C-alpha atoms as a PDB file:
ATOM      1  CA  MET A   1      93.535 166.483  44.216  1.00  0.00           C
ATOM      2  CA  ARG A   2      96.133 168.689  42.554  1.00  0.00           C
ATOM      3  CA  ALA A   3      95.383 167.071  39.175  1.00  0.00           C
ATOM      4  CA  PHE A   4      91.641 167.660  39.651  1.00  0.00           C
ATOM      5  CA  PHE A   5      92.092 171.404  40.305  1.00  0.00           C
ATOM      6  CA  GLU A   6      94.492 171.715  37.395  1.00  0.00           C
ATOM      7  CA  ARG A   7      92.042 170.055  35.039  1.00  0.00           C
ATOM      8  CA  VAL A   8      89.211 172.312  36.240  1.00  0.00           C
ATOM      9  CA  ARG A   9      91.385 175.406  35.755  1.00  0.00           C
ATOM     10  CA  VAL A  10      92.312 174.353  32.198  1.00  0.00           C
ATOM     11  CA  LYS A  11      88.642 173.741  31.342  1.00  0.00           C
ATOM     12  CA  LEU A  12      87.622 177.151  32.656  1.00  0.00           C
ATOM     13  CA  ALA A  13      90.380 178.847  30.699  1.00  0.00           C
ATOM     14  CA  LEU A  14      89.444 177.056  27.497  1.00  0.00           C
ATOM     15  CA  ALA A  15      85.780 177.930  27.980  1.00  0.00           C
ATOM     16  CA  THR A  16      86.318 181.605  28.772  1.00  0.00           C
ATOM     17  CA  VAL A  17      89.657 183.416  28.347  1.00  0.00           C
ATOM     18  CA  TRP A  18      90.914 181.267  25.444  1.00  0.00           C
ATOM     19  CA  LYS A  19      87.801 181.988  23.394  1.00  0.00           C
ATOM     20  CA  VAL A  20      89.528 185.276  22.429  1.00  0.00           C
ATOM     21  CA  PRO A  21      92.258 184.439  19.873  1.00  0.00           C
ATOM     22  CA  SER A  22      94.639 187.067  21.222  1.00  0.00           C
ATOM     23  CA  ASN A  23      94.414 185.496  24.685  1.00  0.00           C
ATOM     24  CA  LYS A  24      95.226 182.058  23.278  1.00  0.00           C
ATOM     25  CA  ALA A  25      98.194 183.553  21.457  1.00  0.00           C
ATOM     26  CA  ALA A  26      99.402 185.186  24.686  1.00  0.00           C
ATOM     27  CA  ALA A  27      99.184 181.813  26.471  1.00  0.00           C
ATOM     28  CA  ILE A  28     101.232 180.156  23.717  1.00  0.00           C
ATOM     29  CA  ARG A  29     103.787 182.924  24.127  1.00  0.00           C
ATOM     30  CA  GLY A  30     103.944 182.088  27.805  1.00  0.00           C
ATOM     31  CA  PHE A  31     104.576 178.436  27.044  1.00  0.00           C
ATOM     32  CA  GLN A  32     107.369 179.416  24.651  1.00  0.00           C
ATOM     33  CA  ALA A  33     109.047 181.631  27.237  1.00  0.00           C
ATOM     34  CA  THR A  34     108.848 178.916  29.876  1.00  0.00           C
ATOM     35  CA  GLU A  35     110.483 176.365  27.623  1.00  0.00           C
ATOM     36  CA  ALA A  36     113.239 178.811  26.643  1.00  0.00           C
ATOM     37  CA  ASP A  37     113.788 179.632  30.314  1.00  0.00           C
ATOM     38  CA  GLY A  38     114.194 175.939  31.037  1.00  0.00           C
ATOM     39  CA  VAL A  39     117.027 175.794  28.524  1.00  0.00           C
ATOM     40  CA  TRP A  40     118.842 178.541  30.347  1.00  0.00           C
ATOM     41  CA  HIS A  41     118.530 176.770  33.714  1.00  0.00           C
ATOM     42  CA  LEU A  42     119.726 173.470  32.224  1.00  0.00           C
ATOM     43  CA  HIS A  43     122.820 175.113  30.859  1.00  0.00           C
ATOM     44  CA  ARG A  44     123.505 176.696  34.259  1.00  0.00           C
ATOM     45  CA  ALA A  45     123.224 173.211  35.779  1.00  0.00           C
ATOM     46  CA  ILE A  46     125.533 171.662  33.166  1.00  0.00           C
ATOM     47  CA  ALA A  47     128.224 174.173  34.098  1.00  0.00           C
ATOM     48  CA  ARG A  48     128.173 172.872  37.720  1.00  0.00           C
ATOM     49  CA  ILE A  49     128.412 169.119  36.899  1.00  0.00           C
ATOM     50  CA  ASP A  50     131.706 167.292  36.382  1.00  0.00           C
ATOM     51  CA  ASP A  51     130.429 163.936  35.137  1.00  0.00           C
ATOM     52  CA  PRO A  52     130.686 164.066  31.286  1.00  0.00           C
ATOM     53  CA  LYS A  53     127.900 161.524  30.862  1.00  0.00           C
ATOM     54  CA  ILE A  54     125.387 163.490  32.896  1.00  0.00           C
ATOM     55  CA  ARG A  55     126.522 166.664  31.159  1.00  0.00           C
ATOM     56  CA  ALA A  56     125.818 165.069  27.776  1.00  0.00           C
ATOM     57  CA  ILE A  57     122.385 163.861  28.885  1.00  0.00           C
ATOM     58  CA  LEU A  58     121.403 167.301  30.160  1.00  0.00           C
ATOM     59  CA  PHE A  59     122.657 168.924  26.997  1.00  0.00           C
ATOM     60  CA  THR A  60     120.485 166.615  24.913  1.00  0.00           C
ATOM     61  CA  HIS A  61     117.606 167.460  27.239  1.00  0.00           C
ATOM     62  CA  SER A  62     118.254 171.164  26.683  1.00  0.00           C
ATOM     63  CA  LEU A  63     118.148 170.685  22.904  1.00  0.00           C
ATOM     64  CA  GLU A  64     114.683 169.115  23.185  1.00  0.00           C
ATOM     65  CA  GLU A  65     113.527 172.028  25.355  1.00  0.00           C
ATOM     66  CA  GLU A  66     114.849 174.399  22.745  1.00  0.00           C
ATOM     67  CA  SER A  67     112.911 172.565  20.066  1.00  0.00           C
ATOM     68  CA  HIS A  68     109.758 172.945  22.174  1.00  0.00           C
ATOM     69  CA  ALA A  69     110.297 176.688  22.412  1.00  0.00           C
ATOM     70  CA  GLU A  70     110.749 176.791  18.649  1.00  0.00           C
ATOM     71  CA  GLU A  71     107.592 174.747  18.131  1.00  0.00           C
ATOM     72  CA  PHE A  72     105.582 177.173  20.252  1.00  0.00           C
ATOM     73  CA  SER A  73     107.090 180.089  18.323  1.00  0.00           C
ATOM     74  CA  HIS A  74     105.797 178.672  15.035  1.00  0.00           C
ATOM     75  CA  THR A  75     102.433 177.871  16.567  1.00  0.00           C
ATOM     76  CA  TYR A  76     102.129 181.380  17.940  1.00  0.00           C
ATOM     77  CA  GLN A  77     102.336 182.839  14.457  1.00  0.00           C
ATOM     78  CA  LEU A  78      99.373 180.693  13.391  1.00  0.00           C
ATOM     79  CA  TYR A  79      97.106 182.467  15.862  1.00  0.00           C
ATOM     80  CA  THR A  80      98.155 186.084  15.335  1.00  0.00           C
ATOM     81  CA  SER A  81      99.801 188.299  12.749  1.00  0.00           C
ATOM     82  CA  ASP A  82     101.924 189.986  15.415  1.00  0.00           C
ATOM     83  CA  ARG A  83     105.556 189.085  15.833  1.00  0.00           C
ATOM     84  CA  ILE A  84     106.339 187.148  18.967  1.00  0.00           C
ATOM     85  CA  PRO A  85     107.411 189.626  21.676  1.00  0.00           C
ATOM     86  CA  PRO A  86     110.642 189.157  23.574  1.00  0.00           C
ATOM     87  CA  ALA A  87     110.562 187.946  27.190  1.00  0.00           C
ATOM     88  CA  THR A  88     110.671 190.761  29.740  1.00  0.00           C
ATOM     89  CA  TYR A  89     111.419 188.845  32.939  1.00  0.00           C
ATOM     90  CA  GLU A  90     114.773 188.714  34.692  1.00  0.00           C
ATOM     91  CA  ARG A  91     116.240 185.224  34.993  1.00  0.00           C
ATOM     92  CA  LYS A  92     117.673 184.043  38.276  1.00  0.00           C
ATOM     93  CA  ASP A  93     119.106 180.759  39.492  1.00  0.00           C
ATOM     94  CA  LEU A  94     116.646 178.282  40.967  1.00  0.00           C
ATOM     95  CA  THR A  95     118.852 177.652  44.024  1.00  0.00           C
ATOM     96  CA  ALA A  96     121.730 179.356  45.812  1.00  0.00           C
ATOM     97  CA  GLY A  97     125.190 178.542  44.520  1.00  0.00           C
ATOM     98  CA  ASN A  98     126.105 176.530  47.562  1.00  0.00           C
ATOM     99  CA  GLU A  99     123.053 174.224  47.269  1.00  0.00           C
ATOM    100  CA  PRO A 100     123.596 170.707  45.900  1.00  0.00           C
ATOM    101  CA  ILE A 101     123.127 170.592  42.144  1.00  0.00           C
ATOM    102  CA  TRP A 102     120.542 167.847  42.400  1.00  0.00           C
ATOM    103  CA  LYS A 103     118.151 170.385  43.916  1.00  0.00           C
ATOM    104  CA  VAL A 104     118.185 172.271  40.628  1.00  0.00           C
ATOM    105  CA  LEU A 105     117.166 169.084  38.847  1.00  0.00           C
ATOM    106  CA  ALA A 106     114.421 168.555  41.455  1.00  0.00           C
ATOM    107  CA  TYR A 107     112.987 171.924  40.493  1.00  0.00           C
ATOM    108  CA  VAL A 108     113.261 171.014  36.798  1.00  0.00           C
ATOM    109  CA  HIS A 109     111.596 167.662  37.484  1.00  0.00           C
ATOM    110  CA  VAL A 110     108.570 169.264  39.153  1.00  0.00           C
ATOM    111  CA  GLY A 111     108.259 171.742  36.326  1.00  0.00           C
ATOM    112  CA  GLU A 112     108.377 168.979  33.719  1.00  0.00           C
ATOM    113  CA  GLU A 113     105.787 166.955  35.576  1.00  0.00           C
ATOM    114  CA  ASP A 114     103.425 169.923  35.857  1.00  0.00           C
ATOM    115  CA  ALA A 115     103.948 170.843  32.206  1.00  0.00           C
ATOM    116  CA  THR A 116     103.219 167.284  31.053  1.00  0.00           C
ATOM    117  CA  ALA A 117      99.881 167.260  32.936  1.00  0.00           C
ATOM    118  CA  ARG A 118      98.879 170.779  31.928  1.00  0.00           C
ATOM    119  CA  PHE A 119      99.725 170.368  28.237  1.00  0.00           C
ATOM    120  CA  GLY A 120      97.867 167.054  28.192  1.00  0.00           C
ATOM    121  CA  TYR A 121      94.736 168.604  29.676  1.00  0.00           C
ATOM    122  CA  ILE A 122      94.830 171.483  27.226  1.00  0.00           C
ATOM    123  CA  ALA A 123      95.325 169.143  24.228  1.00  0.00           C
ATOM    124  CA  ASP A 124      92.340 167.028  25.397  1.00  0.00           C
ATOM    125  CA  GLY A 125      90.144 170.147  25.486  1.00  0.00           C
ATOM    126  CA  LEU A 126      91.061 171.509  22.069  1.00  0.00           C
ATOM    127  CA  GLY A 127      89.580 170.615  18.720  1.00  0.00           C
ATOM    128  CA  ASP A 128      91.591 169.781  15.607  1.00  0.00           C
ATOM    129  CA  GLU A 129      93.867 172.818  15.520  1.00  0.00           C
ATOM    130  CA  PRO A 130      97.607 173.570  15.301  1.00  0.00           C
ATOM    131  CA  LEU A 131      98.134 173.977  19.105  1.00  0.00           C
ATOM    132  CA  LYS A 132      96.627 170.564  19.788  1.00  0.00           C
ATOM    133  CA  ARG A 133      99.001 168.934  17.296  1.00  0.00           C
ATOM    134  CA  SER A 134     102.019 170.782  18.762  1.00  0.00           C
ATOM    135  CA  LEU A 135     101.095 169.844  22.294  1.00  0.00           C
ATOM    136  CA  ALA A 136     100.693 166.163  21.348  1.00  0.00           C
ATOM    137  CA  LYS A 137     104.317 166.090  20.198  1.00  0.00           C
ATOM    138  CA  ILE A 138     105.664 168.022  23.142  1.00  0.00           C
ATOM    139  CA  VAL A 139     103.810 165.976  25.797  1.00  0.00           C
ATOM    140  CA  ASP A 140     105.605 162.784  24.662  1.00  0.00           C
ATOM    141  CA  ASP A 141     108.950 164.456  25.148  1.00  0.00           C
ATOM    142  CA  GLU A 142     108.005 165.976  28.499  1.00  0.00           C
ATOM    143  CA  ALA A 143     106.849 162.632  29.872  1.00  0.00           C
ATOM    144  CA  GLY A 144     110.282 161.226  29.028  1.00  0.00           C
ATOM    145  CA  HIS A 145     111.935 164.182  30.739  1.00  0.00           C
ATOM    146  CA  VAL A 146     110.041 163.460  33.949  1.00  0.00           C
ATOM    147  CA  ASP A 147     111.532 159.994  34.139  1.00  0.00           C
ATOM    148  CA  LEU A 148     114.925 161.276  33.069  1.00  0.00           C
ATOM    149  CA  THR A 149     115.268 163.964  35.741  1.00  0.00           C
ATOM    150  CA  ASP A 150     114.083 161.601  38.451  1.00  0.00           C
ATOM    151  CA  HIS A 151     116.786 159.105  37.400  1.00  0.00           C
ATOM    152  CA  LEU A 152     119.471 161.783  37.292  1.00  0.00           C
ATOM    153  CA  LEU A 153     118.613 162.859  40.830  1.00  0.00           C
ATOM    154  CA  ARG A 154     119.567 159.356  42.041  1.00  0.00           C
ATOM    155  CA  SER A 155     122.745 159.401  39.914  1.00  0.00           C
ATOM    156  CA  LEU A 156     123.854 162.586  41.590  1.00  0.00           C
ATOM    157  CA  GLY A 157     123.602 160.905  45.025  1.00  0.00           C
ATOM    158  CA  ALA A 158     120.317 162.356  46.249  1.00  0.00           C
ATOM    159  CA  GLN A 159     118.577 160.178  48.843  1.00  0.00           C
ATOM    160  CA  PRO A 160     114.919 159.221  48.195  1.00  0.00           C
ATOM    161  CA  ALA A 161     113.691 160.868  51.399  1.00  0.00           C
ATOM    162  CA  ASP A 162     115.574 164.079  50.585  1.00  0.00           C
ATOM    163  CA  VAL A 163     114.175 164.055  47.037  1.00  0.00           C
ATOM    164  CA  ARG A 164     110.613 163.704  48.250  1.00  0.00           C
ATOM    165  CA  ARG A 165     111.135 166.520  50.731  1.00  0.00           C
ATOM    166  CA  GLU A 166     112.567 168.721  48.008  1.00  0.00           C
ATOM    167  CA  TYR A 167     109.698 167.932  45.682  1.00  0.00           C
ATOM    168  CA  ARG A 168     107.279 169.124  48.353  1.00  0.00           C
ATOM    169  CA  ARG A 169     109.278 172.299  48.964  1.00  0.00           C
ATOM    170  CA  VAL A 170     109.420 173.096  45.243  1.00  0.00           C
ATOM    171  CA  ARG A 171     105.718 172.518  44.801  1.00  0.00           C
ATOM    172  CA  LEU A 172     104.982 174.852  47.710  1.00  0.00           C
ATOM    173  CA  ALA A 173     107.254 177.492  46.244  1.00  0.00           C
ATOM    174  CA  ARG A 174     105.696 177.168  42.800  1.00  0.00           C
ATOM    175  CA  PHE A 175     102.201 177.320  44.338  1.00  0.00           C
ATOM    176  CA  TRP A 176     103.081 180.557  46.120  1.00  0.00           C
ATOM    177  CA  GLU A 177     104.554 182.042  42.901  1.00  0.00           C
ATOM    178  CA  ASP A 178     101.474 181.087  40.961  1.00  0.00           C
ATOM    179  CA  TRP A 179      99.245 182.581  43.670  1.00  0.00           C
ATOM    180  CA  LEU A 180     101.101 185.860  43.522  1.00  0.00           C
ATOM    181  CA  ARG A 181     100.865 186.011  39.701  1.00  0.00           C
ATOM    182  CA  ASN A 182      97.137 185.253  39.721  1.00  0.00           C
ATOM    183  CA  SER A 183      96.520 187.735  42.527  1.00  0.00           C
ATOM    184  CA  LYS A 184      98.259 190.455  40.560  1.00  0.00           C
ATOM    185  CA  ARG A 185      96.126 189.669  37.524  1.00  0.00           C
ATOM    186  CA  VAL A 186      92.947 189.899  39.625  1.00  0.00           C
ATOM    187  CA  VAL A 187      94.026 193.207  41.188  1.00  0.00           C
ATOM    188  CA  ASP A 188      94.957 194.639  37.766  1.00  0.00           C
ATOM    189  CA  THR A 189      91.598 193.522  36.338  1.00  0.00           C
ATOM    190  CA  VAL A 190      89.587 194.959  39.245  1.00  0.00           C
ATOM    191  CA  ALA A 191      91.535 198.239  39.059  1.00  0.00           C
ATOM    192  CA  ALA A 192      90.839 198.532  35.327  1.00  0.00           C
ATOM    193  CA  VAL A 193      87.124 197.854  35.866  1.00  0.00           C
ATOM    194  CA  LEU A 194      86.889 200.477  38.629  1.00  0.00           C
ATOM    195  CA  LEU A 195      88.754 203.064  36.560  1.00  0.00           C
ATOM    196  CA  SER A 196      86.436 202.342  33.603  1.00  0.00           C
ATOM    197  CA  ILE A 197      83.362 202.744  35.856  1.00  0.00           C
ATOM    198  CA  ALA A 198      84.728 205.987  37.261  1.00  0.00           C
ATOM    199  CA  TYR A 199      85.482 207.311  33.788  1.00  0.00           C
ATOM    200  CA  PHE A 200      82.091 206.555  32.329  1.00  0.00           C
ATOM    201  CA  ALA A 201      80.343 207.859  35.439  1.00  0.00           C
ATOM    202  CA  LEU A 202      82.269 211.142  35.677  1.00  0.00           C
ATOM    203  CA  ALA A 203      82.844 211.843  31.951  1.00  0.00           C
ATOM    204  CA  PRO A 204      79.286 213.109  31.297  1.00  0.00           C
ATOM    205  CA  LEU A 205      79.450 215.435  34.290  1.00  0.00           C
ATOM    206  CA  ALA A 206      82.815 216.793  33.167  1.00  0.00           C
ATOM    207  CA  THR A 207      81.526 217.212  29.592  1.00  0.00           C
ATOM    208  CA  LEU A 208      78.429 219.098  30.826  1.00  0.00           C
ATOM    209  CA  SER A 209      80.552 221.418  33.003  1.00  0.00           C
ATOM    210  CA  ALA A 210      82.908 222.104  30.097  1.00  0.00           C
ATOM    211  CA  ARG A 211      80.031 222.915  27.750  1.00  0.00           C
ATOM    212  CA  ARG A 212      78.580 225.381  30.201  1.00  0.00           C
ATOM    213  CA  ARG A 213      81.900 227.169  30.522  1.00  0.00           C
ATOM    214  CA  LEU A 214      82.294 227.331  26.763  1.00  0.00           C
ATOM    215  CA  GLU A 215      78.818 228.783  26.383  1.00  0.00           C
ATOM    216  CA  ASP A 216      79.790 231.786  28.593  1.00  0.00           C
ATOM    217  CA  ARG A 217      80.622 234.889  26.586  1.00  0.00           C
ATOM    218  CA  TYR A 218      83.552 235.796  28.783  1.00  0.00           C
ATOM    219  CA  VAL A 219      86.222 233.637  30.365  1.00  0.00           C
ATOM    220  CA  GLU A 220      87.611 234.823  33.671  1.00  0.00           C
ATOM    221  CA  PHE A 221      91.355 235.204  33.605  1.00  0.00           C
ATOM    222  CA  ASP A 222      93.589 236.354  36.507  1.00  0.00           C
ATOM    223  CA  ASN A 223      96.297 238.392  34.839  1.00  0.00           C
ATOM    224  CA  ASN A 224      97.795 239.258  38.178  1.00  0.00           C
ATOM    225  CA  ARG A 225      98.406 235.553  38.818  1.00  0.00           C
ATOM    226  CA  VAL A 226     100.462 235.317  35.598  1.00  0.00           C
ATOM    227  CA  LYS A 227     102.482 238.371  36.642  1.00  0.00           C
ATOM    228  CA  GLN A 228     103.233 236.811  40.019  1.00  0.00           C
ATOM    229  CA  ILE A 229     104.540 233.632  38.379  1.00  0.00           C
ATOM    230  CA  ALA A 230     106.690 235.645  35.928  1.00  0.00           C
END
């Protein structure tokens, strides 16, 4: 069911919002920021792990995520002449410091799984263009990351039942975050529309009133008021 709704959402975006080149470029910018953010979280996880083998695996993983961010940066420039803007969000750890480190990887795993599906749906809906080719390369890596993070969770001693429970918790948290982001966009859009309606409805009345005042030979001016202020 989740995959169905994600596929529908991607199709709607491709058929409406992404028809505007600047919107497509903004989406690519979002992908780039997400991949770069993943690198930061992986490095934070590496610092908390003692096993040198797992540290090396996660570092290699982070290098691939960095390459994805770079790929999206190059692709972004093919859709706009603007320079890619810096990220403006504040990074924070995925879990509290006293939580087991495997919970961080559970969050990463869910993110990789969602990204693999979403990028695949987007690539399927695009024609022969640079973004489609970039996504094709990245999806192969992301699919491998899904298997990798799931394996590392077991290596860190996480029990299958606990892992499944954490996956559900992470998905619920991500759903709530996504809901808040989309709700904010809707509210901002509605507010902009209402302000535009108010402007175009009131502007003619304000213009007419101003013209009438300018047509008067004399303008009333309260000199006593100015003296009081002085």
